[in-house]
């Protein structure tokens, strides 16, 4: 994950300067409730948006540069969101649980082995009925540039124990890259 810190020397394709449209839509629909953890928060746009809408939000990312940028934005905007440098494979060290977790673009970066560790890490910060929202690169995205593609079946398999996959829908990632929209899966997963 160390390579992601250097991406923030500039503006990586996923750092769009606003929250993902999917997050805005879900919040407007009331699908995000209670305390929220933004896992892989980057420079914090999703977390800042949700905090501005009245949620208690923590954002975590392995990139110190991204977390510094997120904390600076929170201060500039007078938004109460907490940002921490944190390994997503060890969320239990946060020593608290959340009602909802959002993951916009982190799940698909993990190897199969680390994906298992990530799901266990998510379980450590959730309780029964906590909700997990995952927006990840879809295997329907053409070409081979960009992150690893994920199939619906891989999502179901990853969360088969201790979780209930409530839905997996086609969605898109907002990016700052020119061209077509990036195809994604939007999953709603409930902790068992």
N, C-alpha and C. Protein backbone atom coordinates (compact mmCIF):
# COMPACT_ATOMS: atom_id res chain seq x y z
N UNK A 1 0.82 -1.20 0.00
CA UNK A 1 0.00 0.00 0.00
C UNK A 1 0.86 1.26 0.00
N UNK A 2 2.15 1.14 0.27
CA UNK A 2 3.01 2.31 0.34
C UNK A 2 3.04 3.12 -0.93
N UNK A 3 2.84 2.49 -2.09
CA UNK A 3 2.86 3.20 -3.36
C UNK A 3 1.77 4.23 -3.50
N UNK A 4 0.70 4.09 -2.73
CA UNK A 4 -0.40 5.04 -2.84
C UNK A 4 -0.03 6.40 -2.25
N UNK A 5 0.87 6.45 -1.29
CA UNK A 5 1.26 7.73 -0.71
C UNK A 5 1.89 8.63 -1.77
N UNK A 6 2.74 8.06 -2.62
CA UNK A 6 3.38 8.88 -3.66
C UNK A 6 2.38 9.37 -4.70
N UNK A 7 1.25 8.68 -4.86
CA UNK A 7 0.22 9.13 -5.79
C UNK A 7 -0.32 10.50 -5.39
N UNK A 8 -0.27 10.80 -4.08
CA UNK A 8 -0.80 12.07 -3.59
C UNK A 8 0.19 13.22 -3.68
N UNK A 9 1.36 12.98 -4.30
CA UNK A 9 2.25 14.09 -4.63
C UNK A 9 1.58 14.96 -5.70
N UNK A 10 0.74 14.32 -6.50
CA UNK A 10 -0.06 15.01 -7.50
C UNK A 10 -1.53 14.78 -7.18
N UNK A 11 -2.32 14.65 -8.25
CA UNK A 11 -3.75 14.37 -8.08
C UNK A 11 -4.05 13.05 -8.77
N UNK A 12 -4.25 11.98 -7.99
CA UNK A 12 -4.55 10.69 -8.60
C UNK A 12 -5.94 10.70 -9.24
N UNK A 13 -6.19 9.78 -10.17
CA UNK A 13 -7.46 9.77 -10.91
C UNK A 13 -8.70 9.68 -10.03
N UNK A 14 -8.57 9.10 -8.85
CA UNK A 14 -9.73 8.93 -7.98
C UNK A 14 -9.99 10.14 -7.08
N UNK A 15 -9.07 11.10 -7.08
CA UNK A 15 -9.20 12.28 -6.21
C UNK A 15 -9.90 13.38 -7.01
N UNK A 16 -11.23 13.39 -6.94
CA UNK A 16 -12.04 14.22 -7.83
C UNK A 16 -12.45 15.57 -7.24
N UNK A 17 -12.08 15.83 -5.98
CA UNK A 17 -12.39 17.13 -5.39
C UNK A 17 -13.83 17.28 -4.93
N UNK A 18 -14.55 16.21 -4.86
CA UNK A 18 -15.94 16.19 -4.40
C UNK A 18 -16.27 14.75 -4.03
N UNK A 19 -17.39 14.53 -3.32
CA UNK A 19 -17.75 13.14 -3.00
C UNK A 19 -18.19 12.37 -4.24
N UNK A 20 -18.08 11.06 -4.17
CA UNK A 20 -18.61 10.22 -5.24
C UNK A 20 -20.13 10.43 -5.33
N UNK A 21 -20.64 10.51 -6.55
CA UNK A 21 -22.09 10.69 -6.76
C UNK A 21 -22.90 9.62 -6.04
N UNK A 22 -22.37 8.42 -6.02
CA UNK A 22 -23.05 7.31 -5.35
C UNK A 22 -23.24 7.60 -3.86
N UNK A 23 -22.23 8.17 -3.22
CA UNK A 23 -22.31 8.49 -1.79
C UNK A 23 -23.37 9.57 -1.55
N UNK A 24 -23.38 10.58 -2.40
CA UNK A 24 -24.38 11.65 -2.27
C UNK A 24 -25.79 11.06 -2.41
N UNK A 25 -25.97 10.20 -3.39
CA UNK A 25 -27.28 9.58 -3.63
C UNK A 25 -27.71 8.71 -2.45
N UNK A 26 -26.80 7.88 -1.96
CA UNK A 26 -27.12 6.99 -0.83
C UNK A 26 -27.48 7.78 0.42
N UNK A 27 -26.75 8.86 0.68
CA UNK A 27 -27.04 9.67 1.86
C UNK A 27 -28.42 10.33 1.71
N UNK A 28 -28.74 10.82 0.52
CA UNK A 28 -30.04 11.45 0.28
C UNK A 28 -31.18 10.46 0.45
N UNK A 29 -30.92 9.19 0.13
CA UNK A 29 -31.94 8.14 0.26
C UNK A 29 -32.05 7.62 1.70
N UNK A 30 -31.18 8.08 2.58
CA UNK A 30 -31.20 7.60 3.97
C UNK A 30 -30.56 6.24 4.15
N UNK A 31 -29.77 5.82 3.17
CA UNK A 31 -29.14 4.50 3.23
C UNK A 31 -27.91 4.46 4.13
N UNK A 32 -27.38 5.62 4.49
CA UNK A 32 -26.22 5.70 5.37
C UNK A 32 -26.70 6.25 6.70
N UNK A 33 -26.46 5.50 7.77
CA UNK A 33 -27.01 5.91 9.07
C UNK A 33 -25.95 5.83 10.15
N UNK A 34 -26.16 6.64 11.17
CA UNK A 34 -25.31 6.57 12.36
C UNK A 34 -23.87 6.96 12.12
N UNK A 35 -22.99 6.32 12.90
CA UNK A 35 -21.56 6.59 12.80
C UNK A 35 -21.01 5.91 11.56
N UNK A 36 -20.11 6.62 10.87
CA UNK A 36 -19.61 6.14 9.58
C UNK A 36 -18.08 6.08 9.61
N UNK A 37 -17.55 4.99 9.08
CA UNK A 37 -16.11 4.86 8.82
C UNK A 37 -15.92 4.87 7.32
N UNK A 38 -15.07 5.77 6.83
CA UNK A 38 -14.70 5.81 5.42
C UNK A 38 -13.35 5.12 5.31
N UNK A 39 -13.39 3.87 4.86
CA UNK A 39 -12.19 3.03 4.78
C UNK A 39 -11.49 3.28 3.44
N UNK A 40 -10.26 3.81 3.52
CA UNK A 40 -9.57 4.21 2.30
C UNK A 40 -10.08 5.57 1.87
N UNK A 41 -10.10 6.53 2.80
CA UNK A 41 -10.77 7.82 2.59
C UNK A 41 -10.06 8.75 1.62
N UNK A 42 -8.80 8.48 1.29
CA UNK A 42 -8.08 9.41 0.42
C UNK A 42 -8.04 10.79 1.05
N UNK A 43 -8.31 11.82 0.25
CA UNK A 43 -8.25 13.20 0.76
C UNK A 43 -9.57 13.62 1.41
N UNK A 44 -10.47 12.67 1.65
CA UNK A 44 -11.58 12.89 2.55
C UNK A 44 -12.89 13.42 2.01
N UNK A 45 -13.06 13.54 0.71
CA UNK A 45 -14.28 14.18 0.21
C UNK A 45 -15.57 13.46 0.63
N UNK A 46 -15.58 12.13 0.60
CA UNK A 46 -16.80 11.41 1.03
C UNK A 46 -17.05 11.64 2.52
N UNK A 47 -16.01 11.51 3.32
CA UNK A 47 -16.14 11.70 4.77
C UNK A 47 -16.58 13.11 5.11
N UNK A 48 -16.00 14.10 4.46
CA UNK A 48 -16.35 15.49 4.72
C UNK A 48 -17.80 15.77 4.34
N UNK A 49 -18.24 15.21 3.23
CA UNK A 49 -19.63 15.39 2.82
C UNK A 49 -20.57 14.82 3.88
N UNK A 50 -20.29 13.60 4.30
CA UNK A 50 -21.17 12.93 5.28
C UNK A 50 -21.14 13.65 6.63
N UNK A 51 -19.97 14.12 7.05
CA UNK A 51 -19.88 14.88 8.30
C UNK A 51 -20.70 16.16 8.19
N UNK A 52 -20.64 16.80 7.04
CA UNK A 52 -21.42 18.00 6.81
C UNK A 52 -22.92 17.75 6.82
N UNK A 53 -23.31 16.51 6.61
CA UNK A 53 -24.73 16.12 6.64
C UNK A 53 -25.14 15.61 8.02
N UNK A 54 -24.25 15.75 9.01
CA UNK A 54 -24.60 15.44 10.38
C UNK A 54 -24.14 14.09 10.91
N UNK A 55 -23.41 13.33 10.12
CA UNK A 55 -22.91 12.04 10.59
C UNK A 55 -21.61 12.22 11.38
N UNK A 56 -21.41 11.38 12.39
CA UNK A 56 -20.09 11.29 13.01
C UNK A 56 -19.27 10.41 12.09
N UNK A 57 -18.16 10.95 11.58
CA UNK A 57 -17.39 10.24 10.55
C UNK A 57 -15.92 10.19 10.92
N UNK A 58 -15.36 9.00 10.75
CA UNK A 58 -13.92 8.80 10.81
C UNK A 58 -13.48 8.38 9.41
N UNK A 59 -12.38 8.96 8.95
CA UNK A 59 -11.78 8.54 7.68
C UNK A 59 -10.41 7.97 7.96
N UNK A 60 -10.12 6.82 7.36
CA UNK A 60 -8.81 6.20 7.54
C UNK A 60 -8.19 5.88 6.18
N UNK A 61 -6.89 6.04 6.11
CA UNK A 61 -6.17 5.74 4.88
C UNK A 61 -4.72 5.42 5.26
N UNK A 62 -4.08 4.59 4.45
CA UNK A 62 -2.68 4.25 4.73
C UNK A 62 -1.72 5.34 4.26
N UNK A 63 -2.22 6.31 3.49
CA UNK A 63 -1.37 7.37 2.97
C UNK A 63 -1.33 8.57 3.91
N UNK A 64 -0.16 8.84 4.51
CA UNK A 64 -0.05 10.03 5.35
C UNK A 64 -0.35 11.32 4.59
N UNK A 65 0.08 11.40 3.34
CA UNK A 65 -0.19 12.61 2.55
C UNK A 65 -1.68 12.83 2.36
N UNK A 66 -2.41 11.77 2.03
CA UNK A 66 -3.86 11.88 1.83
C UNK A 66 -4.54 12.31 3.12
N UNK A 67 -4.14 11.72 4.23
CA UNK A 67 -4.76 12.03 5.52
C UNK A 67 -4.47 13.48 5.91
N UNK A 68 -3.25 13.95 5.67
CA UNK A 68 -2.94 15.36 5.96
C UNK A 68 -3.83 16.29 5.13
N UNK A 69 -4.01 15.95 3.86
CA UNK A 69 -4.88 16.77 2.99
C UNK A 69 -6.32 16.75 3.49
N UNK A 70 -6.80 15.58 3.89
CA UNK A 70 -8.17 15.46 4.40
C UNK A 70 -8.35 16.30 5.66
N UNK A 71 -7.40 16.20 6.59
CA UNK A 71 -7.50 16.96 7.84
C UNK A 71 -7.45 18.47 7.57
N UNK A 72 -6.64 18.87 6.61
CA UNK A 72 -6.56 20.29 6.24
C UNK A 72 -7.89 20.78 5.67
N UNK A 73 -8.50 19.96 4.82
CA UNK A 73 -9.82 20.33 4.25
C UNK A 73 -10.86 20.45 5.36
N UNK A 74 -10.84 19.53 6.31
CA UNK A 74 -11.81 19.56 7.41
C UNK A 74 -11.66 20.87 8.20
N UNK A 75 -10.42 21.26 8.46
CA UNK A 75 -10.17 22.50 9.21
C UNK A 75 -10.64 23.71 8.40
N UNK A 76 -10.27 23.76 7.11
CA UNK A 76 -10.65 24.88 6.24
C UNK A 76 -12.17 25.01 6.14
N UNK A 77 -12.87 23.90 6.10
CA UNK A 77 -14.33 23.90 5.92
C UNK A 77 -15.09 23.89 7.25
N UNK A 78 -14.36 23.87 8.35
CA UNK A 78 -14.98 23.80 9.68
C UNK A 78 -15.94 22.62 9.79
N UNK A 79 -15.47 21.47 9.33
CA UNK A 79 -16.26 20.24 9.37
C UNK A 79 -15.62 19.29 10.38
N UNK A 80 -16.44 18.74 11.26
CA UNK A 80 -15.95 17.83 12.29
C UNK A 80 -15.90 16.41 11.77
N UNK A 81 -14.77 16.04 11.22
CA UNK A 81 -14.52 14.66 10.79
C UNK A 81 -13.13 14.31 11.31
N UNK A 82 -12.96 13.08 11.72
CA UNK A 82 -11.68 12.63 12.27
C UNK A 82 -10.95 11.83 11.19
N UNK A 83 -9.68 12.15 10.94
CA UNK A 83 -8.89 11.44 9.93
C UNK A 83 -7.64 10.85 10.58
N UNK A 84 -7.37 9.58 10.26
CA UNK A 84 -6.23 8.87 10.83
C UNK A 84 -5.48 8.09 9.76
N UNK A 85 -4.16 8.04 9.91
CA UNK A 85 -3.35 7.12 9.10
C UNK A 85 -3.57 5.75 9.73
N UNK A 86 -4.09 4.81 8.94
CA UNK A 86 -4.47 3.51 9.49
C UNK A 86 -4.39 2.44 8.40
N UNK A 87 -3.86 1.30 8.75
CA UNK A 87 -3.85 0.14 7.87
C UNK A 87 -5.25 -0.46 7.86
N UNK A 88 -5.87 -0.53 6.71
CA UNK A 88 -7.23 -1.08 6.61
C UNK A 88 -7.27 -2.57 6.95
N UNK A 89 -6.12 -3.22 6.98
CA UNK A 89 -6.06 -4.63 7.35
C UNK A 89 -5.99 -4.81 8.87
N UNK A 90 -5.99 -3.70 9.61
CA UNK A 90 -5.94 -3.75 11.07
C UNK A 90 -6.89 -2.70 11.68
N UNK A 91 -8.13 -2.68 11.21
CA UNK A 91 -9.09 -1.69 11.71
C UNK A 91 -9.46 -1.93 13.17
N UNK A 92 -9.30 -3.15 13.66
CA UNK A 92 -9.60 -3.46 15.05
C UNK A 92 -8.81 -2.61 16.02
N UNK A 93 -7.65 -2.12 15.60
CA UNK A 93 -6.85 -1.29 16.49
C UNK A 93 -7.49 0.09 16.73
N UNK A 94 -8.55 0.41 15.98
CA UNK A 94 -9.30 1.64 16.25
C UNK A 94 -10.07 1.53 17.57
N UNK A 95 -10.33 0.30 17.99
CA UNK A 95 -11.00 0.01 19.26
C UNK A 95 -12.38 0.66 19.39
N UNK A 96 -13.14 0.57 18.29
CA UNK A 96 -14.52 1.03 18.31
C UNK A 96 -15.27 0.42 17.14
N UNK A 97 -16.58 0.55 17.16
CA UNK A 97 -17.39 0.02 16.06
C UNK A 97 -18.16 1.16 15.39
N UNK A 98 -18.67 0.87 14.21
CA UNK A 98 -19.38 1.86 13.41
C UNK A 98 -20.68 1.25 12.92
N UNK A 99 -21.68 2.11 12.73
CA UNK A 99 -22.97 1.66 12.19
C UNK A 99 -22.88 1.40 10.69
N UNK A 100 -22.00 2.14 10.04
CA UNK A 100 -21.90 2.06 8.58
C UNK A 100 -20.44 2.26 8.17
N UNK A 101 -20.01 1.51 7.18
CA UNK A 101 -18.68 1.68 6.60
C UNK A 101 -18.86 1.89 5.11
N UNK A 102 -18.15 2.89 4.57
CA UNK A 102 -18.11 3.05 3.12
C UNK A 102 -16.70 2.76 2.64
N UNK A 103 -16.62 2.11 1.50
CA UNK A 103 -15.36 1.77 0.85
C UNK A 103 -15.54 2.11 -0.62
N UNK A 104 -14.99 3.22 -1.02
CA UNK A 104 -15.08 3.65 -2.42
C UNK A 104 -13.70 3.53 -3.05
N UNK A 105 -13.40 2.35 -3.55
CA UNK A 105 -12.17 2.16 -4.29
C UNK A 105 -11.04 1.49 -3.54
N UNK A 106 -11.32 0.86 -2.41
CA UNK A 106 -10.25 0.17 -1.68
C UNK A 106 -10.30 -1.34 -1.88
N UNK A 107 -11.47 -1.92 -1.78
CA UNK A 107 -11.63 -3.37 -1.85
C UNK A 107 -10.90 -3.98 -3.05
N UNK A 108 -10.97 -3.33 -4.19
CA UNK A 108 -10.39 -3.93 -5.41
C UNK A 108 -8.86 -3.88 -5.45
N UNK A 109 -8.20 -3.18 -4.53
CA UNK A 109 -6.74 -3.13 -4.59
C UNK A 109 -6.08 -4.33 -3.91
N UNK A 110 -6.85 -5.10 -3.13
CA UNK A 110 -6.26 -6.17 -2.35
C UNK A 110 -6.09 -7.47 -3.15
N UNK A 111 -5.01 -8.19 -2.83
CA UNK A 111 -4.82 -9.55 -3.33
C UNK A 111 -5.88 -10.44 -2.69
N UNK A 112 -6.03 -11.67 -3.17
CA UNK A 112 -7.01 -12.58 -2.57
C UNK A 112 -6.74 -12.78 -1.08
N UNK A 113 -5.48 -12.97 -0.73
CA UNK A 113 -5.12 -13.19 0.68
C UNK A 113 -5.43 -11.96 1.53
N UNK A 114 -5.05 -10.79 1.04
CA UNK A 114 -5.33 -9.57 1.79
C UNK A 114 -6.81 -9.24 1.81
N UNK A 115 -7.53 -9.65 0.80
CA UNK A 115 -8.98 -9.43 0.80
C UNK A 115 -9.62 -10.16 1.98
N UNK A 116 -9.17 -11.38 2.25
CA UNK A 116 -9.68 -12.12 3.42
C UNK A 116 -9.36 -11.37 4.71
N UNK A 117 -8.13 -10.87 4.80
CA UNK A 117 -7.73 -10.10 5.99
C UNK A 117 -8.56 -8.83 6.12
N UNK A 118 -8.86 -8.20 4.99
CA UNK A 118 -9.66 -6.97 5.01
C UNK A 118 -11.08 -7.24 5.52
N UNK A 119 -11.69 -8.30 5.05
CA UNK A 119 -13.04 -8.64 5.50
C UNK A 119 -13.03 -8.91 7.01
N UNK A 120 -12.02 -9.60 7.51
CA UNK A 120 -11.89 -9.82 8.96
C UNK A 120 -11.69 -8.51 9.70
N UNK A 121 -10.92 -7.62 9.12
CA UNK A 121 -10.68 -6.31 9.72
C UNK A 121 -11.98 -5.51 9.79
N UNK A 122 -12.78 -5.57 8.74
CA UNK A 122 -14.09 -4.89 8.74
C UNK A 122 -15.00 -5.46 9.83
N UNK A 123 -14.94 -6.78 10.00
CA UNK A 123 -15.77 -7.43 11.03
C UNK A 123 -15.40 -6.92 12.42
N UNK A 124 -14.14 -6.56 12.62
CA UNK A 124 -13.68 -6.10 13.93
C UNK A 124 -14.24 -4.73 14.32
N UNK A 125 -14.74 -3.97 13.34
CA UNK A 125 -15.26 -2.63 13.65
C UNK A 125 -16.76 -2.51 13.34
N UNK A 126 -17.42 -3.65 13.25
CA UNK A 126 -18.87 -3.66 13.01
C UNK A 126 -19.55 -4.54 14.06
N UNK A 127 -20.86 -4.37 14.15
CA UNK A 127 -21.70 -5.19 15.02
C UNK A 127 -22.83 -5.73 14.14
N UNK A 128 -23.61 -6.69 14.65
CA UNK A 128 -24.73 -7.17 13.84
C UNK A 128 -25.60 -6.00 13.36
N UNK A 129 -25.96 -6.08 12.09
CA UNK A 129 -26.76 -5.08 11.37
C UNK A 129 -25.98 -3.84 10.93
N UNK A 130 -24.68 -3.76 11.23
CA UNK A 130 -23.89 -2.68 10.63
C UNK A 130 -23.92 -2.87 9.12
N UNK A 131 -23.86 -1.76 8.41
CA UNK A 131 -23.94 -1.79 6.95
C UNK A 131 -22.59 -1.45 6.34
N UNK A 132 -22.22 -2.17 5.30
CA UNK A 132 -21.01 -1.91 4.54
C UNK A 132 -21.43 -1.57 3.11
N UNK A 133 -20.95 -0.46 2.60
CA UNK A 133 -21.18 -0.06 1.22
C UNK A 133 -19.83 -0.15 0.51
N UNK A 134 -19.75 -0.95 -0.55
CA UNK A 134 -18.51 -1.11 -1.30
C UNK A 134 -18.74 -0.69 -2.75
N UNK A 135 -17.93 0.26 -3.21
CA UNK A 135 -17.91 0.65 -4.62
C UNK A 135 -16.56 0.21 -5.16
N UNK A 136 -16.56 -0.78 -6.04
CA UNK A 136 -15.30 -1.33 -6.54
C UNK A 136 -15.32 -1.48 -8.06
N UNK A 137 -14.15 -1.53 -8.64
CA UNK A 137 -13.99 -1.71 -10.08
C UNK A 137 -14.70 -2.99 -10.51
N UNK A 138 -15.43 -2.90 -11.59
CA UNK A 138 -16.19 -4.05 -12.10
C UNK A 138 -15.41 -4.82 -13.16
N UNK A 139 -15.66 -6.12 -13.20
CA UNK A 139 -15.07 -6.95 -14.24
C UNK A 139 -15.68 -6.63 -15.61
N UNK A 140 -16.70 -5.78 -15.67
CA UNK A 140 -17.29 -5.36 -16.94
C UNK A 140 -16.55 -4.17 -17.55
N UNK A 141 -15.61 -3.59 -16.81
CA UNK A 141 -14.82 -2.48 -17.33
C UNK A 141 -13.88 -3.01 -18.41
N UNK A 142 -13.98 -2.48 -19.63
CA UNK A 142 -13.11 -2.96 -20.71
C UNK A 142 -11.65 -2.57 -20.48
N UNK A 143 -10.77 -3.28 -21.17
CA UNK A 143 -9.35 -2.98 -21.10
C UNK A 143 -8.70 -3.58 -19.88
N UNK A 144 -7.42 -3.24 -19.70
CA UNK A 144 -6.70 -3.79 -18.56
C UNK A 144 -5.93 -2.73 -17.78
N UNK A 145 -6.14 -1.46 -18.12
CA UNK A 145 -5.46 -0.42 -17.34
C UNK A 145 -6.29 -0.14 -16.09
N UNK A 146 -5.62 0.39 -15.09
CA UNK A 146 -6.31 0.68 -13.84
C UNK A 146 -6.27 -0.50 -12.90
N UNK A 147 -7.10 -0.43 -11.84
CA UNK A 147 -7.06 -1.46 -10.81
C UNK A 147 -7.63 -2.81 -11.25
N UNK A 148 -7.41 -3.76 -10.41
CA UNK A 148 -7.92 -5.11 -10.59
C UNK A 148 -9.45 -5.07 -10.72
N UNK A 149 -9.97 -5.86 -11.63
CA UNK A 149 -11.42 -5.96 -11.80
C UNK A 149 -11.97 -7.00 -10.82
N UNK A 150 -13.20 -6.76 -10.37
CA UNK A 150 -13.84 -7.64 -9.40
C UNK A 150 -15.18 -8.10 -9.97
N UNK A 151 -15.48 -9.38 -9.81
CA UNK A 151 -16.76 -9.92 -10.26
C UNK A 151 -17.75 -9.93 -9.10
N UNK A 152 -19.03 -10.03 -9.45
CA UNK A 152 -20.06 -10.16 -8.41
C UNK A 152 -19.79 -11.38 -7.54
N UNK A 153 -19.39 -12.47 -8.18
CA UNK A 153 -19.13 -13.70 -7.43
C UNK A 153 -17.99 -13.53 -6.43
N UNK A 154 -16.95 -12.78 -6.80
CA UNK A 154 -15.85 -12.52 -5.86
C UNK A 154 -16.35 -11.75 -4.65
N UNK A 155 -17.25 -10.82 -4.87
CA UNK A 155 -17.82 -10.06 -3.74
C UNK A 155 -18.61 -11.00 -2.84
N UNK A 156 -19.47 -11.79 -3.45
CA UNK A 156 -20.28 -12.74 -2.66
C UNK A 156 -19.39 -13.71 -1.88
N UNK A 157 -18.37 -14.23 -2.52
CA UNK A 157 -17.46 -15.18 -1.86
C UNK A 157 -16.72 -14.52 -0.70
N UNK A 158 -16.29 -13.29 -0.89
CA UNK A 158 -15.53 -12.60 0.15
C UNK A 158 -16.36 -12.38 1.41
N UNK A 159 -17.67 -12.20 1.24
CA UNK A 159 -18.53 -11.87 2.37
C UNK A 159 -19.52 -12.99 2.69
N UNK A 160 -19.13 -14.24 2.40
CA UNK A 160 -20.05 -15.36 2.60
C UNK A 160 -20.20 -15.77 4.06
N UNK A 161 -19.24 -15.44 4.90
CA UNK A 161 -19.28 -15.85 6.30
C UNK A 161 -19.40 -14.63 7.20
N UNK A 162 -20.50 -14.57 7.96
CA UNK A 162 -20.69 -13.49 8.92
C UNK A 162 -21.31 -12.23 8.34
N UNK A 163 -21.64 -12.27 7.05
CA UNK A 163 -22.21 -11.12 6.37
C UNK A 163 -23.36 -11.59 5.49
N UNK A 164 -24.23 -10.66 5.11
CA UNK A 164 -25.29 -10.93 4.13
C UNK A 164 -25.16 -9.90 3.02
N UNK A 165 -24.93 -10.37 1.79
CA UNK A 165 -24.86 -9.46 0.66
C UNK A 165 -26.30 -9.13 0.26
N UNK A 166 -26.74 -7.93 0.60
CA UNK A 166 -28.12 -7.52 0.35
C UNK A 166 -28.34 -7.17 -1.12
N UNK A 167 -27.34 -6.54 -1.76
CA UNK A 167 -27.47 -6.20 -3.18
C UNK A 167 -26.11 -5.92 -3.79
N UNK A 168 -26.02 -6.17 -5.09
CA UNK A 168 -24.86 -5.78 -5.90
C UNK A 168 -25.46 -5.20 -7.18
N UNK A 169 -25.21 -3.91 -7.40
CA UNK A 169 -25.79 -3.23 -8.56
C UNK A 169 -24.68 -2.63 -9.42
N UNK A 170 -24.97 -2.48 -10.70
CA UNK A 170 -24.06 -1.76 -11.59
C UNK A 170 -24.03 -0.29 -11.18
N UNK A 171 -22.85 0.30 -11.23
CA UNK A 171 -22.67 1.70 -10.88
C UNK A 171 -21.48 2.23 -11.68
N UNK A 172 -21.09 3.45 -11.41
CA UNK A 172 -19.90 4.03 -12.04
C UNK A 172 -19.08 4.76 -10.98
N UNK A 173 -17.78 4.81 -11.23
CA UNK A 173 -16.86 5.63 -10.45
C UNK A 173 -16.76 6.98 -11.12
N UNK A 174 -16.81 8.04 -10.34
CA UNK A 174 -16.47 9.35 -10.86
C UNK A 174 -14.95 9.45 -10.76
N UNK A 175 -14.30 9.85 -11.83
CA UNK A 175 -12.84 10.04 -11.81
C UNK A 175 -12.53 11.38 -12.48
N UNK A 176 -11.28 11.76 -12.44
CA UNK A 176 -10.86 12.97 -13.15
C UNK A 176 -10.17 12.61 -14.47
N UNK A 177 -10.40 11.39 -14.94
CA UNK A 177 -9.83 10.94 -16.22
C UNK A 177 -10.80 11.29 -17.35
N UNK A 178 -10.27 11.68 -18.51
CA UNK A 178 -11.15 11.94 -19.64
C UNK A 178 -11.72 10.63 -20.19
N UNK A 179 -12.84 10.73 -20.85
CA UNK A 179 -13.38 9.55 -21.51
C UNK A 179 -14.58 8.97 -20.81
N UNK A 180 -14.80 7.69 -21.07
CA UNK A 180 -15.99 7.01 -20.58
C UNK A 180 -16.00 6.89 -19.06
N UNK A 181 -17.19 6.67 -18.54
CA UNK A 181 -17.34 6.41 -17.12
C UNK A 181 -16.70 5.07 -16.78
N UNK A 182 -16.20 4.95 -15.57
CA UNK A 182 -15.57 3.71 -15.12
C UNK A 182 -16.64 2.82 -14.50
N UNK A 183 -16.76 1.61 -15.03
CA UNK A 183 -17.78 0.68 -14.54
C UNK A 183 -17.40 0.10 -13.19
N UNK A 184 -18.40 0.04 -12.32
CA UNK A 184 -18.17 -0.41 -10.95
C UNK A 184 -19.34 -1.27 -10.49
N UNK A 185 -19.10 -1.95 -9.36
CA UNK A 185 -20.18 -2.63 -8.64
C UNK A 185 -20.41 -1.86 -7.36
N UNK A 186 -21.67 -1.62 -7.03
CA UNK A 186 -22.05 -1.02 -5.77
C UNK A 186 -22.74 -2.10 -4.95
N UNK A 187 -22.12 -2.47 -3.84
CA UNK A 187 -22.66 -3.55 -2.99
C UNK A 187 -23.09 -3.00 -1.66
N UNK A 188 -24.22 -3.52 -1.19
CA UNK A 188 -24.69 -3.24 0.16
C UNK A 188 -24.62 -4.56 0.91
N UNK A 189 -23.85 -4.57 1.98
CA UNK A 189 -23.55 -5.80 2.71
C UNK A 189 -23.85 -5.56 4.19
N UNK A 190 -24.56 -6.48 4.81
CA UNK A 190 -24.98 -6.32 6.20
C UNK A 190 -24.23 -7.32 7.07
N UNK A 191 -23.73 -6.82 8.20
CA UNK A 191 -23.01 -7.70 9.14
C UNK A 191 -24.01 -8.60 9.85
N UNK A 192 -23.71 -9.89 9.85
CA UNK A 192 -24.59 -10.87 10.49
C UNK A 192 -24.42 -10.96 11.98
